[in-house]
Amino acid sequence: KETIQLFEEMQREGHQPDAIILSQVIRACIKSNSLEAGKYCHQYITRIGENDIFLNTALVNMYVKCGSMYEARKLFQKMKVSGLINEMAWKTLIHGYCKKGLVKDAMDLFEEMLRNNIKPGEMELVAMLNACNTFHLLKEGQRIHNYVKQIGMSSVSLNKSLLFLYTNCGGNPFIRQRVK
């Protein structure tokens, strides 16, 4: 709250916050779960013409964590069009979709990442497998598992997520031959 108030006070006094201050304001919006303040900060960043990849990624993260997947995706799309996008924006959006139970959107974004030669990390794959498990989406989980095998990735977290997926989604016969 105090950070957001200081941000507003700086503007009233005619000071223009730099990217470091703006990133702290975005962080404060996330911490206080203040979507309204986050939108205000986003509008300010747009108004001053700041087109920083890291600020935009922080804003996508803020929208995701404050529960506005629509705004997160809208900004993400603008970042893609302008060519100012990084891996973190992709990963943040996938995590948001998984957390909100929007597994189809996460899968679509996953496929788009692969088409754009952006490799999802272990955390994104685990999040997607867990979402597939929660919503009993064995077929989608198997697609992710096939990708994991294709790139040769293995970890305790991935194997645990695969085990839960096959156990909970009726894929018990697959466990011995698939989870390695």
N, C-alpha and C. Protein backbone atom coordinates (compact mmCIF):
# COMPACT_ATOMS: atom_id res chain seq x y z
N LYS A 1 0.83 -1.21 0.00
CA LYS A 1 0.00 0.00 0.00
C LYS A 1 0.87 1.26 0.00
N GLU A 2 1.89 1.27 0.87
CA GLU A 2 2.74 2.45 0.98
C GLU A 2 3.47 2.73 -0.33
N THR A 3 3.94 1.66 -0.99
CA THR A 3 4.65 1.82 -2.26
C THR A 3 3.73 2.43 -3.30
N ILE A 4 2.50 1.96 -3.35
CA ILE A 4 1.53 2.48 -4.31
C ILE A 4 1.22 3.94 -4.01
N GLN A 5 1.07 4.26 -2.73
CA GLN A 5 0.81 5.66 -2.34
C GLN A 5 1.98 6.56 -2.70
N LEU A 6 3.20 6.10 -2.49
CA LEU A 6 4.38 6.89 -2.87
C LEU A 6 4.44 7.10 -4.38
N PHE A 7 4.07 6.08 -5.12
CA PHE A 7 4.01 6.19 -6.58
C PHE A 7 3.04 7.29 -7.00
N GLU A 8 1.86 7.29 -6.40
CA GLU A 8 0.86 8.32 -6.72
C GLU A 8 1.35 9.71 -6.30
N GLU A 9 2.00 9.78 -5.15
CA GLU A 9 2.53 11.05 -4.67
C GLU A 9 3.62 11.58 -5.60
N MET A 10 4.48 10.72 -6.08
CA MET A 10 5.53 11.12 -7.03
C MET A 10 4.93 11.75 -8.27
N GLN A 11 3.85 11.18 -8.74
CA GLN A 11 3.20 11.71 -9.94
C GLN A 11 2.59 13.09 -9.68
N ARG A 12 1.94 13.22 -8.53
CA ARG A 12 1.34 14.52 -8.18
C ARG A 12 2.40 15.61 -8.10
N GLU A 13 3.60 15.25 -7.65
CA GLU A 13 4.68 16.22 -7.52
C GLU A 13 5.46 16.41 -8.82
N GLY A 14 5.04 15.70 -9.88
CA GLY A 14 5.65 15.89 -11.18
C GLY A 14 6.90 15.07 -11.44
N HIS A 15 7.20 14.10 -10.60
CA HIS A 15 8.36 13.23 -10.80
C HIS A 15 7.96 12.04 -11.66
N GLN A 16 8.85 11.65 -12.56
CA GLN A 16 8.57 10.49 -13.40
C GLN A 16 9.39 9.31 -12.89
N PRO A 17 8.71 8.31 -12.33
CA PRO A 17 9.42 7.13 -11.82
C PRO A 17 10.14 6.39 -12.94
N ASP A 18 11.31 5.85 -12.64
CA ASP A 18 12.04 5.06 -13.64
C ASP A 18 11.57 3.60 -13.59
N ALA A 19 12.17 2.78 -14.46
CA ALA A 19 11.77 1.37 -14.58
C ALA A 19 11.94 0.61 -13.26
N ILE A 20 12.96 0.95 -12.50
CA ILE A 20 13.20 0.25 -11.23
C ILE A 20 12.06 0.55 -10.25
N ILE A 21 11.69 1.80 -10.15
CA ILE A 21 10.58 2.16 -9.25
C ILE A 21 9.28 1.53 -9.74
N LEU A 22 9.05 1.58 -11.05
CA LEU A 22 7.83 1.00 -11.59
C LEU A 22 7.75 -0.50 -11.33
N SER A 23 8.89 -1.19 -11.43
CA SER A 23 8.87 -2.63 -11.15
C SER A 23 8.53 -2.89 -9.68
N GLN A 24 8.97 -2.01 -8.79
CA GLN A 24 8.64 -2.15 -7.37
C GLN A 24 7.15 -1.88 -7.12
N VAL A 25 6.60 -0.94 -7.87
CA VAL A 25 5.16 -0.65 -7.75
C VAL A 25 4.35 -1.86 -8.21
N ILE A 26 4.77 -2.46 -9.32
CA ILE A 26 4.09 -3.66 -9.83
C ILE A 26 4.17 -4.78 -8.79
N ARG A 27 5.35 -4.94 -8.21
CA ARG A 27 5.53 -5.95 -7.16
C ARG A 27 4.60 -5.70 -5.97
N ALA A 28 4.45 -4.43 -5.61
CA ALA A 28 3.55 -4.08 -4.50
C ALA A 28 2.10 -4.39 -4.86
N CYS A 29 1.73 -4.18 -6.11
CA CYS A 29 0.37 -4.51 -6.56
C CYS A 29 0.11 -6.00 -6.43
N ILE A 30 1.11 -6.80 -6.77
CA ILE A 30 0.99 -8.26 -6.63
C ILE A 30 0.85 -8.63 -5.17
N LYS A 31 1.73 -8.07 -4.35
CA LYS A 31 1.73 -8.40 -2.92
C LYS A 31 0.41 -8.04 -2.25
N SER A 32 -0.17 -6.91 -2.64
CA SER A 32 -1.43 -6.48 -2.03
C SER A 32 -2.65 -6.98 -2.82
N ASN A 33 -2.38 -7.77 -3.88
CA ASN A 33 -3.44 -8.30 -4.73
C ASN A 33 -4.37 -7.19 -5.23
N SER A 34 -3.77 -6.09 -5.63
CA SER A 34 -4.54 -4.92 -6.05
C SER A 34 -4.54 -4.79 -7.57
N LEU A 35 -5.52 -5.43 -8.19
CA LEU A 35 -5.66 -5.36 -9.64
C LEU A 35 -5.90 -3.92 -10.09
N GLU A 36 -6.70 -3.20 -9.35
CA GLU A 36 -7.01 -1.80 -9.70
C GLU A 36 -5.73 -0.96 -9.75
N ALA A 37 -4.90 -1.06 -8.73
CA ALA A 37 -3.64 -0.31 -8.70
C ALA A 37 -2.72 -0.79 -9.82
N GLY A 38 -2.72 -2.09 -10.09
CA GLY A 38 -1.91 -2.63 -11.18
C GLY A 38 -2.33 -2.09 -12.53
N LYS A 39 -3.63 -2.00 -12.75
CA LYS A 39 -4.12 -1.43 -14.01
C LYS A 39 -3.73 0.04 -14.13
N TYR A 40 -3.80 0.75 -13.02
CA TYR A 40 -3.41 2.16 -12.99
C TYR A 40 -1.94 2.29 -13.37
N CYS A 41 -1.10 1.44 -12.80
CA CYS A 41 0.33 1.44 -13.10
C CYS A 41 0.56 1.12 -14.57
N HIS A 42 -0.16 0.14 -15.09
CA HIS A 42 -0.05 -0.23 -16.50
C HIS A 42 -0.43 0.95 -17.39
N GLN A 43 -1.52 1.61 -17.05
CA GLN A 43 -1.94 2.79 -17.83
C GLN A 43 -0.87 3.87 -17.81
N TYR A 44 -0.27 4.06 -16.64
CA TYR A 44 0.79 5.07 -16.52
C TYR A 44 1.98 4.70 -17.41
N ILE A 45 2.39 3.45 -17.36
CA ILE A 45 3.52 2.98 -18.17
C ILE A 45 3.22 3.18 -19.65
N THR A 46 2.01 2.88 -20.06
CA THR A 46 1.59 3.07 -21.46
C THR A 46 1.60 4.55 -21.82
N ARG A 47 1.06 5.36 -20.92
CA ARG A 47 0.95 6.82 -21.16
C ARG A 47 2.32 7.47 -21.35
N ILE A 48 3.31 7.05 -20.58
CA ILE A 48 4.64 7.67 -20.71
C ILE A 48 5.47 7.04 -21.83
N GLY A 49 4.91 6.01 -22.47
CA GLY A 49 5.58 5.38 -23.60
C GLY A 49 6.70 4.43 -23.23
N GLU A 50 6.70 3.97 -22.00
CA GLU A 50 7.72 3.01 -21.55
C GLU A 50 7.38 1.65 -22.14
N ASN A 51 8.27 1.13 -22.97
CA ASN A 51 8.02 -0.16 -23.63
C ASN A 51 9.15 -1.11 -23.28
N ASP A 52 9.27 -1.39 -22.02
CA ASP A 52 10.35 -2.21 -21.49
C ASP A 52 9.89 -3.66 -21.38
N ILE A 53 10.68 -4.57 -21.93
CA ILE A 53 10.31 -5.99 -21.93
C ILE A 53 10.13 -6.53 -20.51
N PHE A 54 10.98 -6.07 -19.59
CA PHE A 54 10.91 -6.58 -18.22
C PHE A 54 9.70 -6.01 -17.47
N LEU A 55 9.37 -4.74 -17.72
CA LEU A 55 8.17 -4.17 -17.10
C LEU A 55 6.93 -4.85 -17.64
N ASN A 56 6.90 -5.07 -18.95
CA ASN A 56 5.73 -5.74 -19.54
C ASN A 56 5.57 -7.16 -19.00
N THR A 57 6.68 -7.86 -18.84
CA THR A 57 6.62 -9.21 -18.27
C THR A 57 6.14 -9.16 -16.82
N ALA A 58 6.60 -8.17 -16.08
CA ALA A 58 6.14 -7.99 -14.69
C ALA A 58 4.64 -7.69 -14.67
N LEU A 59 4.17 -6.93 -15.64
CA LEU A 59 2.73 -6.63 -15.71
C LEU A 59 1.93 -7.89 -16.04
N VAL A 60 2.43 -8.73 -16.94
CA VAL A 60 1.75 -10.00 -17.24
C VAL A 60 1.66 -10.81 -15.95
N ASN A 61 2.75 -10.88 -15.23
CA ASN A 61 2.79 -11.60 -13.95
C ASN A 61 1.78 -11.01 -12.97
N MET A 62 1.71 -9.70 -12.90
CA MET A 62 0.76 -9.03 -12.00
C MET A 62 -0.68 -9.40 -12.37
N TYR A 63 -1.00 -9.34 -13.65
CA TYR A 63 -2.36 -9.69 -14.07
C TYR A 63 -2.69 -11.14 -13.73
N VAL A 64 -1.73 -12.03 -13.97
CA VAL A 64 -1.94 -13.44 -13.64
C VAL A 64 -2.20 -13.61 -12.15
N LYS A 65 -1.32 -13.04 -11.34
CA LYS A 65 -1.42 -13.23 -9.88
C LYS A 65 -2.60 -12.50 -9.27
N CYS A 66 -3.08 -11.46 -9.93
CA CYS A 66 -4.26 -10.75 -9.43
C CYS A 66 -5.54 -11.30 -10.05
N GLY A 67 -5.42 -12.35 -10.85
CA GLY A 67 -6.60 -13.07 -11.33
C GLY A 67 -7.21 -12.59 -12.63
N SER A 68 -6.52 -11.75 -13.38
CA SER A 68 -7.09 -11.27 -14.64
C SER A 68 -6.36 -11.89 -15.83
N MET A 69 -6.73 -13.12 -16.14
CA MET A 69 -6.09 -13.83 -17.25
C MET A 69 -6.37 -13.14 -18.58
N TYR A 70 -7.54 -12.51 -18.70
CA TYR A 70 -7.86 -11.80 -19.94
C TYR A 70 -6.86 -10.68 -20.19
N GLU A 71 -6.61 -9.86 -19.17
CA GLU A 71 -5.66 -8.75 -19.31
C GLU A 71 -4.24 -9.28 -19.53
N ALA A 72 -3.89 -10.37 -18.84
CA ALA A 72 -2.56 -10.96 -19.01
C ALA A 72 -2.37 -11.40 -20.45
N ARG A 73 -3.36 -12.08 -21.00
CA ARG A 73 -3.25 -12.57 -22.39
C ARG A 73 -3.23 -11.41 -23.38
N LYS A 74 -4.04 -10.40 -23.11
CA LYS A 74 -4.10 -9.22 -24.00
C LYS A 74 -2.72 -8.55 -24.08
N LEU A 75 -2.09 -8.34 -22.93
CA LEU A 75 -0.77 -7.72 -22.92
C LEU A 75 0.26 -8.65 -23.55
N PHE A 76 0.16 -9.93 -23.27
CA PHE A 76 1.05 -10.92 -23.86
C PHE A 76 0.98 -10.84 -25.39
N GLN A 77 -0.23 -10.78 -25.93
CA GLN A 77 -0.41 -10.69 -27.38
C GLN A 77 0.24 -9.43 -27.93
N LYS A 78 0.08 -8.30 -27.24
CA LYS A 78 0.72 -7.05 -27.69
C LYS A 78 2.23 -7.19 -27.68
N MET A 79 2.75 -7.86 -26.66
CA MET A 79 4.20 -8.06 -26.58
C MET A 79 4.68 -8.90 -27.76
N LYS A 80 3.92 -9.93 -28.12
CA LYS A 80 4.30 -10.79 -29.25
C LYS A 80 4.31 -10.00 -30.55
N VAL A 81 3.28 -9.19 -30.75
CA VAL A 81 3.17 -8.41 -31.99
C VAL A 81 4.34 -7.43 -32.11
N SER A 82 4.70 -6.81 -30.99
CA SER A 82 5.78 -5.81 -31.02
C SER A 82 7.16 -6.46 -31.04
N GLY A 83 7.21 -7.78 -30.83
CA GLY A 83 8.49 -8.47 -30.80
C GLY A 83 9.22 -8.33 -29.48
N LEU A 84 8.59 -7.68 -28.50
CA LEU A 84 9.19 -7.49 -27.18
C LEU A 84 8.63 -8.53 -26.22
N ILE A 85 9.13 -9.74 -26.35
CA ILE A 85 8.63 -10.82 -25.50
C ILE A 85 9.80 -11.70 -25.09
N ASN A 86 9.68 -12.27 -23.90
CA ASN A 86 10.75 -13.17 -23.44
C ASN A 86 10.14 -14.47 -22.93
N GLU A 87 11.00 -15.41 -22.64
CA GLU A 87 10.56 -16.72 -22.17
C GLU A 87 9.71 -16.62 -20.91
N MET A 88 10.08 -15.70 -20.04
CA MET A 88 9.38 -15.58 -18.76
C MET A 88 7.91 -15.22 -18.96
N ALA A 89 7.60 -14.40 -19.94
CA ALA A 89 6.20 -14.05 -20.21
C ALA A 89 5.41 -15.29 -20.61
N TRP A 90 6.00 -16.12 -21.46
CA TRP A 90 5.35 -17.37 -21.87
C TRP A 90 5.08 -18.25 -20.65
N LYS A 91 6.13 -18.43 -19.85
CA LYS A 91 6.05 -19.33 -18.70
C LYS A 91 5.07 -18.82 -17.65
N THR A 92 5.05 -17.51 -17.45
CA THR A 92 4.13 -16.91 -16.48
C THR A 92 2.69 -17.17 -16.89
N LEU A 93 2.41 -17.00 -18.17
CA LEU A 93 1.05 -17.20 -18.66
C LEU A 93 0.64 -18.67 -18.55
N ILE A 94 1.54 -19.58 -18.88
CA ILE A 94 1.23 -21.02 -18.74
C ILE A 94 0.90 -21.34 -17.28
N HIS A 95 1.71 -20.86 -16.36
CA HIS A 95 1.45 -21.10 -14.93
C HIS A 95 0.09 -20.56 -14.52
N GLY A 96 -0.24 -19.36 -15.01
CA GLY A 96 -1.53 -18.76 -14.69
C GLY A 96 -2.69 -19.60 -15.19
N TYR A 97 -2.58 -20.04 -16.44
CA TYR A 97 -3.64 -20.88 -17.00
C TYR A 97 -3.81 -22.17 -16.18
N CYS A 98 -2.69 -22.78 -15.82
CA CYS A 98 -2.76 -24.03 -15.04
C CYS A 98 -3.39 -23.77 -13.68
N LYS A 99 -2.98 -22.70 -13.04
CA LYS A 99 -3.50 -22.39 -11.70
C LYS A 99 -5.01 -22.12 -11.74
N LYS A 100 -5.47 -21.50 -12.82
CA LYS A 100 -6.89 -21.18 -12.95
C LYS A 100 -7.70 -22.34 -13.52
N GLY A 101 -7.03 -23.45 -13.85
CA GLY A 101 -7.74 -24.60 -14.40
C GLY A 101 -8.06 -24.47 -15.88
N LEU A 102 -7.40 -23.55 -16.55
CA LEU A 102 -7.63 -23.33 -17.98
C LEU A 102 -6.61 -24.16 -18.77
N VAL A 103 -6.76 -25.48 -18.66
CA VAL A 103 -5.78 -26.40 -19.20
C VAL A 103 -5.73 -26.33 -20.72
N LYS A 104 -6.86 -26.15 -21.37
CA LYS A 104 -6.86 -26.05 -22.84
C LYS A 104 -6.04 -24.84 -23.28
N ASP A 105 -6.22 -23.71 -22.59
CA ASP A 105 -5.44 -22.52 -22.93
C ASP A 105 -3.95 -22.77 -22.68
N ALA A 106 -3.64 -23.46 -21.58
CA ALA A 106 -2.24 -23.79 -21.28
C ALA A 106 -1.67 -24.70 -22.37
N MET A 107 -2.45 -25.69 -22.79
CA MET A 107 -1.98 -26.61 -23.84
C MET A 107 -1.78 -25.87 -25.17
N ASP A 108 -2.71 -24.98 -25.50
CA ASP A 108 -2.57 -24.20 -26.73
C ASP A 108 -1.29 -23.36 -26.69
N LEU A 109 -1.03 -22.73 -25.54
CA LEU A 109 0.16 -21.91 -25.39
C LEU A 109 1.42 -22.79 -25.43
N PHE A 110 1.35 -23.96 -24.82
CA PHE A 110 2.45 -24.92 -24.85
C PHE A 110 2.80 -25.27 -26.30
N GLU A 111 1.79 -25.60 -27.09
CA GLU A 111 2.00 -25.94 -28.51
C GLU A 111 2.59 -24.75 -29.27
N GLU A 112 2.08 -23.55 -28.96
CA GLU A 112 2.59 -22.33 -29.61
C GLU A 112 4.06 -22.08 -29.22
N MET A 113 4.39 -22.34 -27.96
CA MET A 113 5.78 -22.19 -27.52
C MET A 113 6.68 -23.09 -28.36
N LEU A 114 6.28 -24.34 -28.51
CA LEU A 114 7.09 -25.29 -29.26
C LEU A 114 7.23 -24.85 -30.72
N ARG A 115 6.15 -24.34 -31.31
CA ARG A 115 6.22 -23.85 -32.70
C ARG A 115 7.18 -22.67 -32.82
N ASN A 116 7.33 -21.90 -31.74
CA ASN A 116 8.22 -20.73 -31.73
C ASN A 116 9.60 -21.06 -31.18
N ASN A 117 9.90 -22.36 -31.07
CA ASN A 117 11.20 -22.82 -30.57
C ASN A 117 11.55 -22.30 -29.17
N ILE A 118 10.53 -22.16 -28.33
CA ILE A 118 10.73 -21.78 -26.94
C ILE A 118 10.46 -23.03 -26.11
N LYS A 119 11.45 -23.41 -25.35
CA LYS A 119 11.34 -24.67 -24.60
C LYS A 119 10.80 -24.42 -23.19
N PRO A 120 9.67 -25.06 -22.87
CA PRO A 120 9.16 -24.95 -21.51
C PRO A 120 10.12 -25.64 -20.54
N GLY A 121 10.21 -25.10 -19.35
CA GLY A 121 11.09 -25.68 -18.34
C GLY A 121 10.36 -26.73 -17.52
N GLU A 122 11.10 -27.32 -16.63
CA GLU A 122 10.55 -28.37 -15.78
C GLU A 122 9.34 -27.88 -14.99
N MET A 123 9.42 -26.67 -14.45
CA MET A 123 8.31 -26.16 -13.63
C MET A 123 7.02 -26.03 -14.44
N GLU A 124 7.13 -25.58 -15.68
CA GLU A 124 5.94 -25.44 -16.52
C GLU A 124 5.36 -26.82 -16.85
N LEU A 125 6.24 -27.76 -17.14
CA LEU A 125 5.78 -29.11 -17.47
C LEU A 125 5.10 -29.77 -16.27
N VAL A 126 5.67 -29.59 -15.09
CA VAL A 126 5.06 -30.14 -13.88
C VAL A 126 3.70 -29.48 -13.64
N ALA A 127 3.63 -28.16 -13.80
CA ALA A 127 2.36 -27.45 -13.60
C ALA A 127 1.30 -27.96 -14.57
N MET A 128 1.69 -28.18 -15.81
CA MET A 128 0.73 -28.66 -16.81
C MET A 128 0.29 -30.10 -16.50
N LEU A 129 1.24 -30.94 -16.12
CA LEU A 129 0.88 -32.32 -15.77
C LEU A 129 -0.05 -32.35 -14.56
N ASN A 130 0.23 -31.51 -13.58
CA ASN A 130 -0.63 -31.45 -12.39
C ASN A 130 -2.03 -30.97 -12.74
N ALA A 131 -2.11 -29.99 -13.66
CA ALA A 131 -3.43 -29.52 -14.10
C ALA A 131 -4.16 -30.62 -14.86
N CYS A 132 -3.45 -31.35 -15.70
CA CYS A 132 -4.07 -32.48 -16.42
C CYS A 132 -4.57 -33.52 -15.42
N ASN A 133 -3.81 -33.77 -14.39
CA ASN A 133 -4.21 -34.71 -13.35
C ASN A 133 -5.47 -34.22 -12.64
N THR A 134 -5.47 -32.98 -12.23
CA THR A 134 -6.61 -32.41 -11.50
C THR A 134 -7.91 -32.52 -12.30
N PHE A 135 -7.82 -32.29 -13.61
CA PHE A 135 -9.02 -32.29 -14.45
C PHE A 135 -9.18 -33.58 -15.25
N HIS A 136 -8.41 -34.60 -14.88
CA HIS A 136 -8.50 -35.94 -15.48
C HIS A 136 -8.37 -35.89 -17.01
N LEU A 137 -7.33 -35.23 -17.47
CA LEU A 137 -7.09 -35.09 -18.91
C LEU A 137 -5.89 -35.96 -19.30
N LEU A 138 -6.12 -37.26 -19.35
CA LEU A 138 -5.06 -38.23 -19.62
C LEU A 138 -4.41 -37.99 -20.99
N LYS A 139 -5.22 -37.75 -22.00
CA LYS A 139 -4.70 -37.58 -23.36
C LYS A 139 -3.74 -36.38 -23.43
N GLU A 140 -4.11 -35.27 -22.82
CA GLU A 140 -3.26 -34.08 -22.81
C GLU A 140 -1.99 -34.35 -22.02
N GLY A 141 -2.14 -35.05 -20.89
CA GLY A 141 -0.98 -35.41 -20.09
C GLY A 141 -0.01 -36.30 -20.84
N GLN A 142 -0.56 -37.20 -21.63
CA GLN A 142 0.29 -38.08 -22.44
C GLN A 142 1.05 -37.28 -23.50
N ARG A 143 0.42 -36.24 -24.05
CA ARG A 143 1.12 -35.39 -25.02
C ARG A 143 2.33 -34.72 -24.37
N ILE A 144 2.13 -34.26 -23.14
CA ILE A 144 3.23 -33.62 -22.42
C ILE A 144 4.30 -34.66 -22.10
N HIS A 145 3.86 -35.84 -21.68
CA HIS A 145 4.82 -36.91 -21.37
C HIS A 145 5.63 -37.27 -22.60
N ASN A 146 5.00 -37.34 -23.76
CA ASN A 146 5.73 -37.64 -24.99
C ASN A 146 6.79 -36.58 -25.28
N TYR A 147 6.44 -35.31 -25.02
CA TYR A 147 7.41 -34.23 -25.22
C TYR A 147 8.59 -34.39 -24.24
N VAL A 148 8.29 -34.70 -23.00
CA VAL A 148 9.32 -34.90 -21.97
C VAL A 148 10.28 -36.02 -22.39
N LYS A 149 9.71 -37.12 -22.89
CA LYS A 149 10.55 -38.23 -23.35
C LYS A 149 11.38 -37.82 -24.56
N GLN A 150 10.76 -37.08 -25.46
CA GLN A 150 11.44 -36.64 -26.69
C GLN A 150 12.68 -35.80 -26.38
N ILE A 151 12.58 -34.92 -25.39
CA ILE A 151 13.73 -34.07 -25.07
C ILE A 151 14.65 -34.70 -24.03
N GLY A 152 14.25 -35.85 -23.50
CA GLY A 152 15.09 -36.57 -22.55
C GLY A 152 15.16 -35.94 -21.17
N MET A 153 14.11 -35.25 -20.77
CA MET A 153 14.10 -34.61 -19.46
C MET A 153 13.57 -35.59 -18.42
N SER A 154 14.21 -35.59 -17.26
CA SER A 154 13.76 -36.44 -16.17
C SER A 154 14.10 -35.77 -14.85
N SER A 155 13.18 -35.88 -13.92
CA SER A 155 13.43 -35.35 -12.57
C SER A 155 12.44 -36.03 -11.62
N VAL A 156 12.69 -35.90 -10.36
CA VAL A 156 11.79 -36.46 -9.36
C VAL A 156 10.41 -35.81 -9.50
N SER A 157 10.38 -34.50 -9.65
CA SER A 157 9.10 -33.79 -9.75
C SER A 157 8.30 -34.22 -10.97
N LEU A 158 8.97 -34.34 -12.11
CA LEU A 158 8.28 -34.79 -13.33
C LEU A 158 7.76 -36.21 -13.16
N ASN A 159 8.61 -37.09 -12.66
CA ASN A 159 8.19 -38.48 -12.50
C ASN A 159 7.03 -38.61 -11.51
N LYS A 160 7.07 -37.84 -10.46
CA LYS A 160 5.98 -37.84 -9.48
C LYS A 160 4.67 -37.36 -10.13
N SER A 161 4.76 -36.29 -10.91
CA SER A 161 3.57 -35.77 -11.59
C SER A 161 3.02 -36.77 -12.59
N LEU A 162 3.91 -37.45 -13.30
CA LEU A 162 3.48 -38.48 -14.25
C LEU A 162 2.83 -39.66 -13.53
N LEU A 163 3.42 -40.06 -12.44
CA LEU A 163 2.86 -41.16 -11.65
C LEU A 163 1.44 -40.82 -11.19
N PHE A 164 1.25 -39.61 -10.66
CA PHE A 164 -0.08 -39.18 -10.21
C PHE A 164 -1.05 -39.10 -11.38
N LEU A 165 -0.58 -38.59 -12.51
CA LEU A 165 -1.43 -38.49 -13.70
C LEU A 165 -1.94 -39.86 -14.11
N TYR A 166 -1.03 -40.82 -14.29
CA TYR A 166 -1.44 -42.14 -14.76
C TYR A 166 -2.25 -42.90 -13.72
N THR A 167 -1.96 -42.69 -12.46
CA THR A 167 -2.72 -43.36 -11.40
C THR A 167 -4.13 -42.79 -11.30
N ASN A 168 -4.25 -41.48 -11.30
CA ASN A 168 -5.55 -40.83 -11.08
C ASN A 168 -6.43 -40.76 -12.32
N CYS A 169 -5.85 -40.88 -13.48
CA CYS A 169 -6.64 -40.72 -14.71
C CYS A 169 -6.93 -42.05 -15.40
N GLY A 170 -6.79 -43.13 -14.67
CA GLY A 170 -7.15 -44.42 -15.23
C GLY A 170 -6.10 -45.02 -16.14
N GLY A 171 -4.88 -44.57 -16.00
CA GLY A 171 -3.82 -45.08 -16.86
C GLY A 171 -2.90 -46.04 -16.17
N ASN A 172 -3.38 -46.75 -15.16
CA ASN A 172 -2.52 -47.65 -14.39
C ASN A 172 -1.68 -48.60 -15.24
N PRO A 173 -2.23 -49.22 -16.30
CA PRO A 173 -1.39 -50.14 -17.09
C PRO A 173 -0.18 -49.45 -17.72
N PHE A 174 -0.24 -48.14 -17.86
CA PHE A 174 0.85 -47.40 -18.51
C PHE A 174 2.01 -47.12 -17.55
N ILE A 175 1.77 -47.17 -16.28
CA ILE A 175 2.77 -46.68 -15.32
C ILE A 175 4.10 -47.38 -15.48
N ARG A 176 4.13 -48.69 -15.48
CA ARG A 176 5.40 -49.42 -15.55
C ARG A 176 6.16 -49.11 -16.84
N GLN A 177 5.45 -49.00 -17.96
CA GLN A 177 6.15 -48.81 -19.22
C GLN A 177 6.38 -47.35 -19.55
N ARG A 178 5.66 -46.43 -18.97
CA ARG A 178 5.77 -45.02 -19.35
C ARG A 178 6.62 -44.17 -18.41
N VAL A 179 6.53 -44.40 -17.13
CA VAL A 179 7.23 -43.56 -16.19
C VAL A 179 8.59 -44.16 -15.91
N LYS A 180 9.61 -43.58 -16.49
CA LYS A 180 10.98 -44.09 -16.34
C LYS A 180 11.91 -42.96 -16.00
